[in-house]
Amino acid sequence: NGAEKGKILVIGWGSTYGAIKSAVAELIKEGYAVSHVHLRYIRPF
């Protein structure tokens, strides 16, 4: 979620997905330059 460049990148893994996705989506609607990356592959990246 979010643009390829911005102020903050939120990196998550595992069960934090829903909370991060919901929070970032809300902040993007409010105009903040925030993006979200969620990792499935942790080794190797």
ModelCIF file with pLDDT and N, C-alpha, C, O atoms, coordinates in Angstrom:
data_MODEL
#
_entry.id   MODEL 
#
_entity.id                         1 
_entity.type                       polymer 
_entity.pdbx_number_of_molecules   1 
#
_entity_poly.entity_id                      1 
_entity_poly.type                           'polypeptide(L)' 
_entity_poly.nstd_linkage                   no 
_entity_poly.nstd_monomer                   no 
_entity_poly.pdbx_seq_one_letter_code       NGAEKGKILVIGWGSTYGAIKSAVAELIKEGYAVSHVHLRYIRPF 
_entity_poly.pdbx_seq_one_letter_code_can   NGAEKGKILVIGWGSTYGAIKSAVAELIKEGYAVSHVHLRYIRPF 
_entity_poly.pdbx_strand_id                 A 
#
loop_
_entity_poly_seq.entity_id 
_entity_poly_seq.num 
_entity_poly_seq.mon_id 
_entity_poly_seq.hetero 
1 1  ASN n 
1 2  GLY n 
1 3  ALA n 
1 4  GLU n 
1 5  LYS n 
1 6  GLY n 
1 7  LYS n 
1 8  ILE n 
1 9  LEU n 
1 10 VAL n 
1 11 ILE n 
1 12 GLY n 
1 13 TRP n 
1 14 GLY n 
1 15 SER n 
1 16 THR n 
1 17 TYR n 
1 18 GLY n 
1 19 ALA n 
1 20 ILE n 
1 21 LYS n 
1 22 SER n 
1 23 ALA n 
1 24 VAL n 
1 25 ALA n 
1 26 GLU n 
1 27 LEU n 
1 28 ILE n 
1 29 LYS n 
1 30 GLU n 
1 31 GLY n 
1 32 TYR n 
1 33 ALA n 
1 34 VAL n 
1 35 SER n 
1 36 HIS n 
1 37 VAL n 
1 38 HIS n 
1 39 LEU n 
1 40 ARG n 
1 41 TYR n 
1 42 ILE n 
1 43 ARG n 
1 44 PRO n 
1 45 PHE n 
#
_struct_asym.id          A 
_struct_asym.entity_id   1 
#
loop_
_ma_qa_metric.id 
_ma_qa_metric.mode 
_ma_qa_metric.name 
_ma_qa_metric.software_group_id 
_ma_qa_metric.type 
1 global pLDDT . pLDDT 
2 local  pLDDT . pLDDT 
#
_ma_qa_metric_global.metric_id      1 
_ma_qa_metric_global.metric_value   97.76 
_ma_qa_metric_global.model_id       1 
_ma_qa_metric_global.ordinal_id     1 
#
loop_
_ma_qa_metric_local.label_asym_id 
_ma_qa_metric_local.label_comp_id 
_ma_qa_metric_local.label_seq_id 
_ma_qa_metric_local.metric_id 
_ma_qa_metric_local.metric_value 
_ma_qa_metric_local.model_id 
_ma_qa_metric_local.ordinal_id 
A ASN 1  2 97.00 1 1  
A GLY 2  2 97.00 1 2  
A ALA 3  2 98.00 1 3  
A GLU 4  2 97.00 1 4  
A LYS 5  2 97.00 1 5  
A GLY 6  2 97.00 1 6  
A LYS 7  2 98.00 1 7  
A ILE 8  2 98.00 1 8  
A LEU 9  2 98.00 1 9  
A VAL 10 2 98.00 1 10 
A ILE 11 2 98.00 1 11 
A GLY 12 2 98.00 1 12 
A TRP 13 2 98.00 1 13 
A GLY 14 2 98.00 1 14 
A SER 15 2 98.00 1 15 
A THR 16 2 98.00 1 16 
A TYR 17 2 98.00 1 17 
A GLY 18 2 97.00 1 18 
A ALA 19 2 98.00 1 19 
A ILE 20 2 98.00 1 20 
A LYS 21 2 98.00 1 21 
A SER 22 2 98.00 1 22 
A ALA 23 2 98.00 1 23 
A VAL 24 2 98.00 1 24 
A ALA 25 2 98.00 1 25 
A GLU 26 2 97.00 1 26 
A LEU 27 2 98.00 1 27 
A ILE 28 2 98.00 1 28 
A LYS 29 2 97.00 1 29 
A GLU 30 2 97.00 1 30 
A GLY 31 2 97.00 1 31 
A TYR 32 2 97.00 1 32 
A ALA 33 2 98.00 1 33 
A VAL 34 2 98.00 1 34 
A SER 35 2 98.00 1 35 
A HIS 36 2 98.00 1 36 
A VAL 37 2 98.00 1 37 
A HIS 38 2 98.00 1 38 
A LEU 39 2 98.00 1 39 
A ARG 40 2 98.00 1 40 
A TYR 41 2 98.00 1 41 
A ILE 42 2 98.00 1 42 
A ARG 43 2 98.00 1 43 
A PRO 44 2 98.00 1 44 
A PHE 45 2 98.00 1 45 
#
loop_
_atom_site.group_PDB 
_atom_site.id 
_atom_site.type_symbol 
_atom_site.label_atom_id 
_atom_site.label_alt_id 
_atom_site.label_comp_id 
_atom_site.label_asym_id 
_atom_site.label_entity_id 
_atom_site.label_seq_id 
_atom_site.pdbx_PDB_ins_code 
_atom_site.Cartn_x 
_atom_site.Cartn_y 
_atom_site.Cartn_z 
_atom_site.occupancy 
_atom_site.B_iso_or_equiv 
_atom_site.pdbx_formal_charge 
_atom_site.auth_seq_id 
_atom_site.auth_comp_id 
_atom_site.auth_asym_id 
_atom_site.auth_atom_id 
_atom_site.pdbx_PDB_model_num 
ATOM 1   N N  . ASN A 1 1  ? 0.852  -1.189  0.000  1.00 97.00 ? 1  ASN A N  1 
ATOM 2   C CA . ASN A 1 1  ? 0.000  0.000   0.000  1.00 97.00 ? 1  ASN A CA 1 
ATOM 3   C C  . ASN A 1 1  ? 0.889  1.240   0.000  1.00 97.00 ? 1  ASN A C  1 
ATOM 4   O O  . ASN A 1 1  ? 1.881  1.308   0.726  1.00 97.00 ? 1  ASN A O  1 
ATOM 5   N N  . GLY A 1 2  ? 0.516  2.223   -0.830 1.00 97.00 ? 2  GLY A N  1 
ATOM 6   C CA . GLY A 1 2  ? 1.279  3.461   -0.852 1.00 97.00 ? 2  GLY A CA 1 
ATOM 7   C C  . GLY A 1 2  ? 2.154  3.592   -2.083 1.00 97.00 ? 2  GLY A C  1 
ATOM 8   O O  . GLY A 1 2  ? 2.181  2.716   -2.948 1.00 97.00 ? 2  GLY A O  1 
ATOM 9   N N  . ALA A 1 3  ? 2.872  4.712   -2.143 1.00 98.00 ? 3  ALA A N  1 
ATOM 10  C CA . ALA A 1 3  ? 3.715  5.031   -3.292 1.00 98.00 ? 3  ALA A CA 1 
ATOM 11  C C  . ALA A 1 3  ? 5.083  4.351   -3.176 1.00 98.00 ? 3  ALA A C  1 
ATOM 12  O O  . ALA A 1 3  ? 5.440  3.814   -2.127 1.00 98.00 ? 3  ALA A O  1 
ATOM 13  N N  . GLU A 1 4  ? 5.847  4.388   -4.291 1.00 97.00 ? 4  GLU A N  1 
ATOM 14  C CA . GLU A 1 4  ? 7.173  3.762   -4.307 1.00 97.00 ? 4  GLU A CA 1 
ATOM 15  C C  . GLU A 1 4  ? 8.213  4.584   -3.570 1.00 97.00 ? 4  GLU A C  1 
ATOM 16  O O  . GLU A 1 4  ? 9.273  4.071   -3.211 1.00 97.00 ? 4  GLU A O  1 
ATOM 17  N N  . LYS A 1 5  ? 7.914  5.870   -3.341 1.00 97.00 ? 5  LYS A N  1 
ATOM 18  C CA . LYS A 1 5  ? 8.809  6.746   -2.582 1.00 97.00 ? 5  LYS A CA 1 
ATOM 19  C C  . LYS A 1 5  ? 7.965  7.538   -1.597 1.00 97.00 ? 5  LYS A C  1 
ATOM 20  O O  . LYS A 1 5  ? 6.786  7.794   -1.841 1.00 97.00 ? 5  LYS A O  1 
ATOM 21  N N  . GLY A 1 6  ? 8.578  7.926   -0.478 1.00 97.00 ? 6  GLY A N  1 
ATOM 22  C CA . GLY A 1 6  ? 7.811  8.693   0.489  1.00 97.00 ? 6  GLY A CA 1 
ATOM 23  C C  . GLY A 1 6  ? 8.589  8.991   1.753  1.00 97.00 ? 6  GLY A C  1 
ATOM 24  O O  . GLY A 1 6  ? 9.805  8.810   1.815  1.00 97.00 ? 6  GLY A O  1 
ATOM 25  N N  . LYS A 1 7  ? 7.861  9.456   2.766  1.00 98.00 ? 7  LYS A N  1 
ATOM 26  C CA . LYS A 1 7  ? 8.465  9.827   4.044  1.00 98.00 ? 7  LYS A CA 1 
ATOM 27  C C  . LYS A 1 7  ? 8.796  8.603   4.895  1.00 98.00 ? 7  LYS A C  1 
ATOM 28  O O  . LYS A 1 7  ? 9.903  8.480   5.418  1.00 98.00 ? 7  LYS A O  1 
ATOM 29  N N  . ILE A 1 8  ? 7.817  7.694   5.028  1.00 98.00 ? 8  ILE A N  1 
ATOM 30  C CA . ILE A 1 8  ? 7.995  6.549   5.925  1.00 98.00 ? 8  ILE A CA 1 
ATOM 31  C C  . ILE A 1 8  ? 7.604  5.264   5.207  1.00 98.00 ? 8  ILE A C  1 
ATOM 32  O O  . ILE A 1 8  ? 6.557  5.187   4.564  1.00 98.00 ? 8  ILE A O  1 
ATOM 33  N N  . LEU A 1 9  ? 8.468  4.258   5.328  1.00 98.00 ? 9  LEU A N  1 
ATOM 34  C CA . LEU A 1 9  ? 8.148  2.905   4.893  1.00 98.00 ? 9  LEU A CA 1 
ATOM 35  C C  . LEU A 1 9  ? 7.942  2.052   6.140  1.00 98.00 ? 9  LEU A C  1 
ATOM 36  O O  . LEU A 1 9  ? 8.828  1.944   6.989  1.00 98.00 ? 9  LEU A O  1 
ATOM 37  N N  . VAL A 1 10 ? 6.763  1.449   6.236  1.00 98.00 ? 10 VAL A N  1 
ATOM 38  C CA . VAL A 1 10 ? 6.482  0.534   7.349  1.00 98.00 ? 10 VAL A CA 1 
ATOM 39  C C  . VAL A 1 10 ? 6.724  -0.884  6.848  1.00 98.00 ? 10 VAL A C  1 
ATOM 40  O O  . VAL A 1 10 ? 6.053  -1.348  5.927  1.00 98.00 ? 10 VAL A O  1 
ATOM 41  N N  . ILE A 1 11 ? 7.689  -1.571  7.461  1.00 98.00 ? 11 ILE A N  1 
ATOM 42  C CA . ILE A 1 11 ? 8.006  -2.949  7.087  1.00 98.00 ? 11 ILE A CA 1 
ATOM 43  C C  . ILE A 1 11 ? 7.444  -3.878  8.155  1.00 98.00 ? 11 ILE A C  1 
ATOM 44  O O  . ILE A 1 11 ? 7.753  -3.746  9.339  1.00 98.00 ? 11 ILE A O  1 
ATOM 45  N N  . GLY A 1 12 ? 6.615  -4.817  7.715  1.00 98.00 ? 12 GLY A N  1 
ATOM 46  C CA . GLY A 1 12 ? 6.045  -5.773  8.655  1.00 98.00 ? 12 GLY A CA 1 
ATOM 47  C C  . GLY A 1 12 ? 6.273  -7.192  8.202  1.00 98.00 ? 12 GLY A C  1 
ATOM 48  O O  . GLY A 1 12 ? 6.691  -7.436  7.070  1.00 98.00 ? 12 GLY A O  1 
ATOM 49  N N  . TRP A 1 13 ? 5.999  -8.126  9.086  1.00 98.00 ? 13 TRP A N  1 
ATOM 50  C CA . TRP A 1 13 ? 6.026  -9.546  8.746  1.00 98.00 ? 13 TRP A CA 1 
ATOM 51  C C  . TRP A 1 13 ? 5.002  -10.246 9.635  1.00 98.00 ? 13 TRP A C  1 
ATOM 52  O O  . TRP A 1 13 ? 4.696  -9.782  10.734 1.00 98.00 ? 13 TRP A O  1 
ATOM 53  N N  . GLY A 1 14 ? 4.480  -11.368 9.144  1.00 98.00 ? 14 GLY A N  1 
ATOM 54  C CA . GLY A 1 14 ? 3.578  -12.162 9.970  1.00 98.00 ? 14 GLY A CA 1 
ATOM 55  C C  . GLY A 1 14 ? 2.263  -11.479 10.279 1.00 98.00 ? 14 GLY A C  1 
ATOM 56  O O  . GLY A 1 14 ? 1.715  -10.748 9.453  1.00 98.00 ? 14 GLY A O  1 
ATOM 57  N N  . SER A 1 15 ? 1.762  -11.726 11.482 1.00 98.00 ? 15 SER A N  1 
ATOM 58  C CA . SER A 1 15 ? 0.386  -11.366 11.830 1.00 98.00 ? 15 SER A CA 1 
ATOM 59  C C  . SER A 1 15 ? 0.169  -9.882  12.076 1.00 98.00 ? 15 SER A C  1 
ATOM 60  O O  . SER A 1 15 ? -0.956 -9.476  12.371 1.00 98.00 ? 15 SER A O  1 
ATOM 61  N N  . THR A 1 16 ? 1.203  -9.059  11.967 1.00 98.00 ? 16 THR A N  1 
ATOM 62  C CA . THR A 1 16 ? 1.008  -7.609  12.063 1.00 98.00 ? 16 THR A CA 1 
ATOM 63  C C  . THR A 1 16 ? 0.371  -7.047  10.795 1.00 98.00 ? 16 THR A C  1 
ATOM 64  O O  . THR A 1 16 ? 0.060  -5.858  10.733 1.00 98.00 ? 16 THR A O  1 
ATOM 65  N N  . TYR A 1 17 ? 0.178  -7.887  9.793  1.00 98.00 ? 17 TYR A N  1 
ATOM 66  C CA . TYR A 1 17 ? -0.279 -7.415  8.476  1.00 98.00 ? 17 TYR A CA 1 
ATOM 67  C C  . TYR A 1 17 ? -1.568 -6.596  8.551  1.00 98.00 ? 17 TYR A C  1 
ATOM 68  O O  . TYR A 1 17 ? -1.622 -5.478  8.037  1.00 98.00 ? 17 TYR A O  1 
ATOM 69  N N  . GLY A 1 18 ? -2.598 -7.139  9.183  1.00 97.00 ? 18 GLY A N  1 
ATOM 70  C CA . GLY A 1 18 ? -3.898 -6.475  9.179  1.00 97.00 ? 18 GLY A CA 1 
ATOM 71  C C  . GLY A 1 18 ? -3.860 -5.107  9.820  1.00 97.00 ? 18 GLY A C  1 
ATOM 72  O O  . GLY A 1 18 ? -4.414 -4.150  9.279  1.00 97.00 ? 18 GLY A O  1 
ATOM 73  N N  . ALA A 1 19 ? -3.208 -5.003  10.973 1.00 98.00 ? 19 ALA A N  1 
ATOM 74  C CA . ALA A 1 19 ? -3.145 -3.723  11.683 1.00 98.00 ? 19 ALA A CA 1 
ATOM 75  C C  . ALA A 1 19 ? -2.336 -2.703  10.888 1.00 98.00 ? 19 ALA A C  1 
ATOM 76  O O  . ALA A 1 19 ? -2.731 -1.542  10.788 1.00 98.00 ? 19 ALA A O  1 
ATOM 77  N N  . ILE A 1 20 ? -1.195 -3.131  10.317 1.00 98.00 ? 20 ILE A N  1 
ATOM 78  C CA . ILE A 1 20 ? -0.376 -2.198  9.536  1.00 98.00 ? 20 ILE A CA 1 
ATOM 79  C C  . ILE A 1 20 ? -1.126 -1.757  8.288  1.00 98.00 ? 20 ILE A C  1 
ATOM 80  O O  . ILE A 1 20 ? -1.154 -0.569  7.966  1.00 98.00 ? 20 ILE A O  1 
ATOM 81  N N  . LYS A 1 21 ? -1.729 -2.698  7.590  1.00 98.00 ? 21 LYS A N  1 
ATOM 82  C CA . LYS A 1 21 ? -2.452 -2.358  6.355  1.00 98.00 ? 21 LYS A CA 1 
ATOM 83  C C  . LYS A 1 21 ? -3.563 -1.351  6.636  1.00 98.00 ? 21 LYS A C  1 
ATOM 84  O O  . LYS A 1 21 ? -3.727 -0.376  5.902  1.00 98.00 ? 21 LYS A O  1 
ATOM 85  N N  . SER A 1 22 ? -4.324 -1.593  7.702  1.00 98.00 ? 22 SER A N  1 
ATOM 86  C CA . SER A 1 22 ? -5.433 -0.696  8.053  1.00 98.00 ? 22 SER A CA 1 
ATOM 87  C C  . SER A 1 22 ? -4.926 0.680   8.442  1.00 98.00 ? 22 SER A C  1 
ATOM 88  O O  . SER A 1 22 ? -5.501 1.692   8.040  1.00 98.00 ? 22 SER A O  1 
ATOM 89  N N  . ALA A 1 23 ? -3.847 0.726   9.226  1.00 98.00 ? 23 ALA A N  1 
ATOM 90  C CA . ALA A 1 23 ? -3.304 2.011   9.676  1.00 98.00 ? 23 ALA A CA 1 
ATOM 91  C C  . ALA A 1 23 ? -2.743 2.807   8.509  1.00 98.00 ? 23 ALA A C  1 
ATOM 92  O O  . ALA A 1 23 ? -3.015 4.002   8.391  1.00 98.00 ? 23 ALA A O  1 
ATOM 93  N N  . VAL A 1 24 ? -1.965 2.166   7.646  1.00 98.00 ? 24 VAL A N  1 
ATOM 94  C CA . VAL A 1 24 ? -1.353 2.868   6.505  1.00 98.00 ? 24 VAL A CA 1 
ATOM 95  C C  . VAL A 1 24 ? -2.430 3.348   5.534  1.00 98.00 ? 24 VAL A C  1 
ATOM 96  O O  . VAL A 1 24 ? -2.341 4.459   5.012  1.00 98.00 ? 24 VAL A O  1 
ATOM 97  N N  . ALA A 1 25 ? -3.444 2.522   5.289  1.00 98.00 ? 25 ALA A N  1 
ATOM 98  C CA . ALA A 1 25 ? -4.532 2.931   4.389  1.00 98.00 ? 25 ALA A CA 1 
ATOM 99  C C  . ALA A 1 25 ? -5.228 4.185   4.918  1.00 98.00 ? 25 ALA A C  1 
ATOM 100 O O  . ALA A 1 25 ? -5.554 5.092   4.153  1.00 98.00 ? 25 ALA A O  1 
ATOM 101 N N  . GLU A 1 26 ? -5.449 4.228   6.215  1.00 97.00 ? 26 GLU A N  1 
ATOM 102 C CA . GLU A 1 26 ? -6.104 5.398   6.817  1.00 97.00 ? 26 GLU A CA 1 
ATOM 103 C C  . GLU A 1 26 ? -5.228 6.640   6.686  1.00 97.00 ? 26 GLU A C  1 
ATOM 104 O O  . GLU A 1 26 ? -5.730 7.716   6.363  1.00 97.00 ? 26 GLU A O  1 
ATOM 105 N N  . LEU A 1 27 ? -3.931 6.507   6.930  1.00 98.00 ? 27 LEU A N  1 
ATOM 106 C CA . LEU A 1 27 ? -3.022 7.653   6.859  1.00 98.00 ? 27 LEU A CA 1 
ATOM 107 C C  . LEU A 1 27 ? -2.854 8.153   5.426  1.00 98.00 ? 27 LEU A C  1 
ATOM 108 O O  . LEU A 1 27 ? -2.724 9.356   5.199  1.00 98.00 ? 27 LEU A O  1 
ATOM 109 N N  . ILE A 1 28 ? -2.857 7.244   4.469  1.00 98.00 ? 28 ILE A N  1 
ATOM 110 C CA . ILE A 1 28 ? -2.776 7.655   3.054  1.00 98.00 ? 28 ILE A CA 1 
ATOM 111 C C  . ILE A 1 28 ? -4.003 8.487   2.685  1.00 98.00 ? 28 ILE A C  1 
ATOM 112 O O  . ILE A 1 28 ? -3.883 9.486   1.977  1.00 98.00 ? 28 ILE A O  1 
ATOM 113 N N  . LYS A 1 29 ? -5.180 8.081   3.161  1.00 97.00 ? 29 LYS A N  1 
ATOM 114 C CA . LYS A 1 29 ? -6.404 8.853   2.912  1.00 97.00 ? 29 LYS A CA 1 
ATOM 115 C C  . LYS A 1 29 ? -6.299 10.258  3.497  1.00 97.00 ? 29 LYS A C  1 
ATOM 116 O O  . LYS A 1 29 ? -6.862 11.211  2.958  1.00 97.00 ? 29 LYS A O  1 
ATOM 117 N N  . GLU A 1 30 ? -5.572 10.371  4.603  1.00 97.00 ? 30 GLU A N  1 
ATOM 118 C CA . GLU A 1 30 ? -5.406 11.678  5.246  1.00 97.00 ? 30 GLU A CA 1 
ATOM 119 C C  . GLU A 1 30 ? -4.293 12.504  4.605  1.00 97.00 ? 30 GLU A C  1 
ATOM 120 O O  . GLU A 1 30 ? -4.044 13.641  5.006  1.00 97.00 ? 30 GLU A O  1 
ATOM 121 N N  . GLY A 1 31 ? -3.621 11.921  3.600  1.00 97.00 ? 31 GLY A N  1 
ATOM 122 C CA . GLY A 1 31 ? -2.629 12.685  2.852  1.00 97.00 ? 31 GLY A CA 1 
ATOM 123 C C  . GLY A 1 31 ? -1.189 12.471  3.275  1.00 97.00 ? 31 GLY A C  1 
ATOM 124 O O  . GLY A 1 31 ? -0.307 13.186  2.798  1.00 97.00 ? 31 GLY A O  1 
ATOM 125 N N  . TYR A 1 32 ? -0.917 11.524  4.144  1.00 97.00 ? 32 TYR A N  1 
ATOM 126 C CA . TYR A 1 32 ? 0.454  11.269  4.590  1.00 97.00 ? 32 TYR A CA 1 
ATOM 127 C C  . TYR A 1 32 ? 1.208  10.411  3.571  1.00 97.00 ? 32 TYR A C  1 
ATOM 128 O O  . TYR A 1 32 ? 0.626  9.537   2.928  1.00 97.00 ? 32 TYR A O  1 
ATOM 129 N N  . ALA A 1 33 ? 2.518  10.676  3.433  1.00 98.00 ? 33 ALA A N  1 
ATOM 130 C CA . ALA A 1 33 ? 3.362  9.944   2.486  1.00 98.00 ? 33 ALA A CA 1 
ATOM 131 C C  . ALA A 1 33 ? 3.936  8.699   3.166  1.00 98.00 ? 33 ALA A C  1 
ATOM 132 O O  . ALA A 1 33 ? 5.116  8.638   3.509  1.00 98.00 ? 33 ALA A O  1 
ATOM 133 N N  . VAL A 1 34 ? 3.068  7.724   3.346  1.00 98.00 ? 34 VAL A N  1 
ATOM 134 C CA . VAL A 1 34 ? 3.428  6.487   4.058  1.00 98.00 ? 34 VAL A CA 1 
ATOM 135 C C  . VAL A 1 34 ? 3.179  5.298   3.133  1.00 98.00 ? 34 VAL A C  1 
ATOM 136 O O  . VAL A 1 34 ? 2.207  5.285   2.378  1.00 98.00 ? 34 VAL A O  1 
ATOM 137 N N  . SER A 1 35 ? 4.053  4.310   3.195  1.00 98.00 ? 35 SER A N  1 
ATOM 138 C CA . SER A 1 35 ? 3.867  3.081   2.420  1.00 98.00 ? 35 SER A CA 1 
ATOM 139 C C  . SER A 1 35 ? 4.106  1.870   3.308  1.00 98.00 ? 35 SER A C  1 
ATOM 140 O O  . SER A 1 35 ? 4.700  1.965   4.382  1.00 98.00 ? 35 SER A O  1 
ATOM 141 N N  . HIS A 1 36 ? 3.630  0.738   2.830  1.00 98.00 ? 36 HIS A N  1 
ATOM 142 C CA . HIS A 1 36 ? 3.679  -0.508  3.619  1.00 98.00 ? 36 HIS A CA 1 
ATOM 143 C C  . HIS A 1 36 ? 4.236  -1.641  2.770  1.00 98.00 ? 36 HIS A C  1 
ATOM 144 O O  . HIS A 1 36 ? 3.765  -1.896  1.662  1.00 98.00 ? 36 HIS A O  1 
ATOM 145 N N  . VAL A 1 37 ? 5.239  -2.311  3.305  1.00 98.00 ? 37 VAL A N  1 
ATOM 146 C CA . VAL A 1 37 ? 5.791  -3.524  2.712  1.00 98.00 ? 37 VAL A CA 1 
ATOM 147 C C  . VAL A 1 37 ? 5.630  -4.638  3.732  1.00 98.00 ? 37 VAL A C  1 
ATOM 148 O O  . VAL A 1 37 ? 5.944  -4.467  4.910  1.00 98.00 ? 37 VAL A O  1 
ATOM 149 N N  . HIS A 1 38 ? 5.129  -5.799  3.264  1.00 98.00 ? 38 HIS A N  1 
ATOM 150 C CA . HIS A 1 38 ? 4.989  -6.929  4.186  1.00 98.00 ? 38 HIS A CA 1 
ATOM 151 C C  . HIS A 1 38 ? 5.753  -8.118  3.632  1.00 98.00 ? 38 HIS A C  1 
ATOM 152 O O  . HIS A 1 38 ? 5.581  -8.495  2.472  1.00 98.00 ? 38 HIS A O  1 
ATOM 153 N N  . LEU A 1 39 ? 6.594  -8.705  4.467  1.00 98.00 ? 39 LEU A N  1 
ATOM 154 C CA . LEU A 1 39 ? 7.525  -9.741  4.016  1.00 98.00 ? 39 LEU A CA 1 
ATOM 155 C C  . LEU A 1 39 ? 6.944  -11.141 4.174  1.00 98.00 ? 39 LEU A C  1 
ATOM 156 O O  . LEU A 1 39 ? 6.495  -11.514 5.257  1.00 98.00 ? 39 LEU A O  1 
ATOM 157 N N  . ARG A 1 40 ? 6.954  -11.897 3.113  1.00 98.00 ? 40 ARG A N  1 
ATOM 158 C CA . ARG A 1 40 ? 6.717  -13.343 3.191  1.00 98.00 ? 40 ARG A CA 1 
ATOM 159 C C  . ARG A 1 40 ? 8.052  -14.072 3.283  1.00 98.00 ? 40 ARG A C  1 
ATOM 160 O O  . ARG A 1 40 ? 8.200  -15.020 4.055  1.00 98.00 ? 40 ARG A O  1 
ATOM 161 N N  . TYR A 1 41 ? 9.017  -13.624 2.493  1.00 98.00 ? 41 TYR A N  1 
ATOM 162 C CA . TYR A 1 41 ? 10.329 -14.264 2.457  1.00 98.00 ? 41 TYR A CA 1 
ATOM 163 C C  . TYR A 1 41 ? 11.275 -13.475 3.358  1.00 98.00 ? 41 TYR A C  1 
ATOM 164 O O  . TYR A 1 41 ? 11.611 -12.327 3.066  1.00 98.00 ? 41 TYR A O  1 
ATOM 165 N N  . ILE A 1 42 ? 11.700 -14.099 4.453  1.00 98.00 ? 42 ILE A N  1 
ATOM 166 C CA . ILE A 1 42 ? 12.569 -13.418 5.411  1.00 98.00 ? 42 ILE A CA 1 
ATOM 167 C C  . ILE A 1 42 ? 14.006 -13.907 5.278  1.00 98.00 ? 42 ILE A C  1 
ATOM 168 O O  . ILE A 1 42 ? 14.944 -13.180 5.608  1.00 98.00 ? 42 ILE A O  1 
ATOM 169 N N  . ARG A 1 43 ? 14.181 -15.125 4.801  1.00 98.00 ? 43 ARG A N  1 
ATOM 170 C CA . ARG A 1 43 ? 15.520 -15.612 4.448  1.00 98.00 ? 43 ARG A CA 1 
ATOM 171 C C  . ARG A 1 43 ? 15.390 -16.523 3.254  1.00 98.00 ? 43 ARG A C  1 
ATOM 172 O O  . ARG A 1 43 ? 14.756 -17.572 3.367  1.00 98.00 ? 43 ARG A O  1 
ATOM 173 N N  . PRO A 1 44 ? 15.957 -16.176 2.115  1.00 98.00 ? 44 PRO A N  1 
ATOM 174 C CA . PRO A 1 44 ? 16.559 -14.871 1.842  1.00 98.00 ? 44 PRO A CA 1 
ATOM 175 C C  . PRO A 1 44 ? 15.485 -13.806 1.592  1.00 98.00 ? 44 PRO A C  1 
ATOM 176 O O  . PRO A 1 44 ? 14.340 -14.124 1.269  1.00 98.00 ? 44 PRO A O  1 
ATOM 177 N N  . PHE A 1 45 ? 15.877 -12.543 1.746  1.00 98.00 ? 45 PHE A N  1 
ATOM 178 C CA . PHE A 1 45 ? 14.981 -11.452 1.385  1.00 98.00 ? 45 PHE A CA 1 
ATOM 179 C C  . PHE A 1 45 ? 14.838 -11.380 -0.137 1.00 98.00 ? 45 PHE A C  1 
ATOM 180 O O  . PHE A 1 45 ? 14.120 -10.522 -0.650 1.00 98.00 ? 45 PHE A O  1 
#
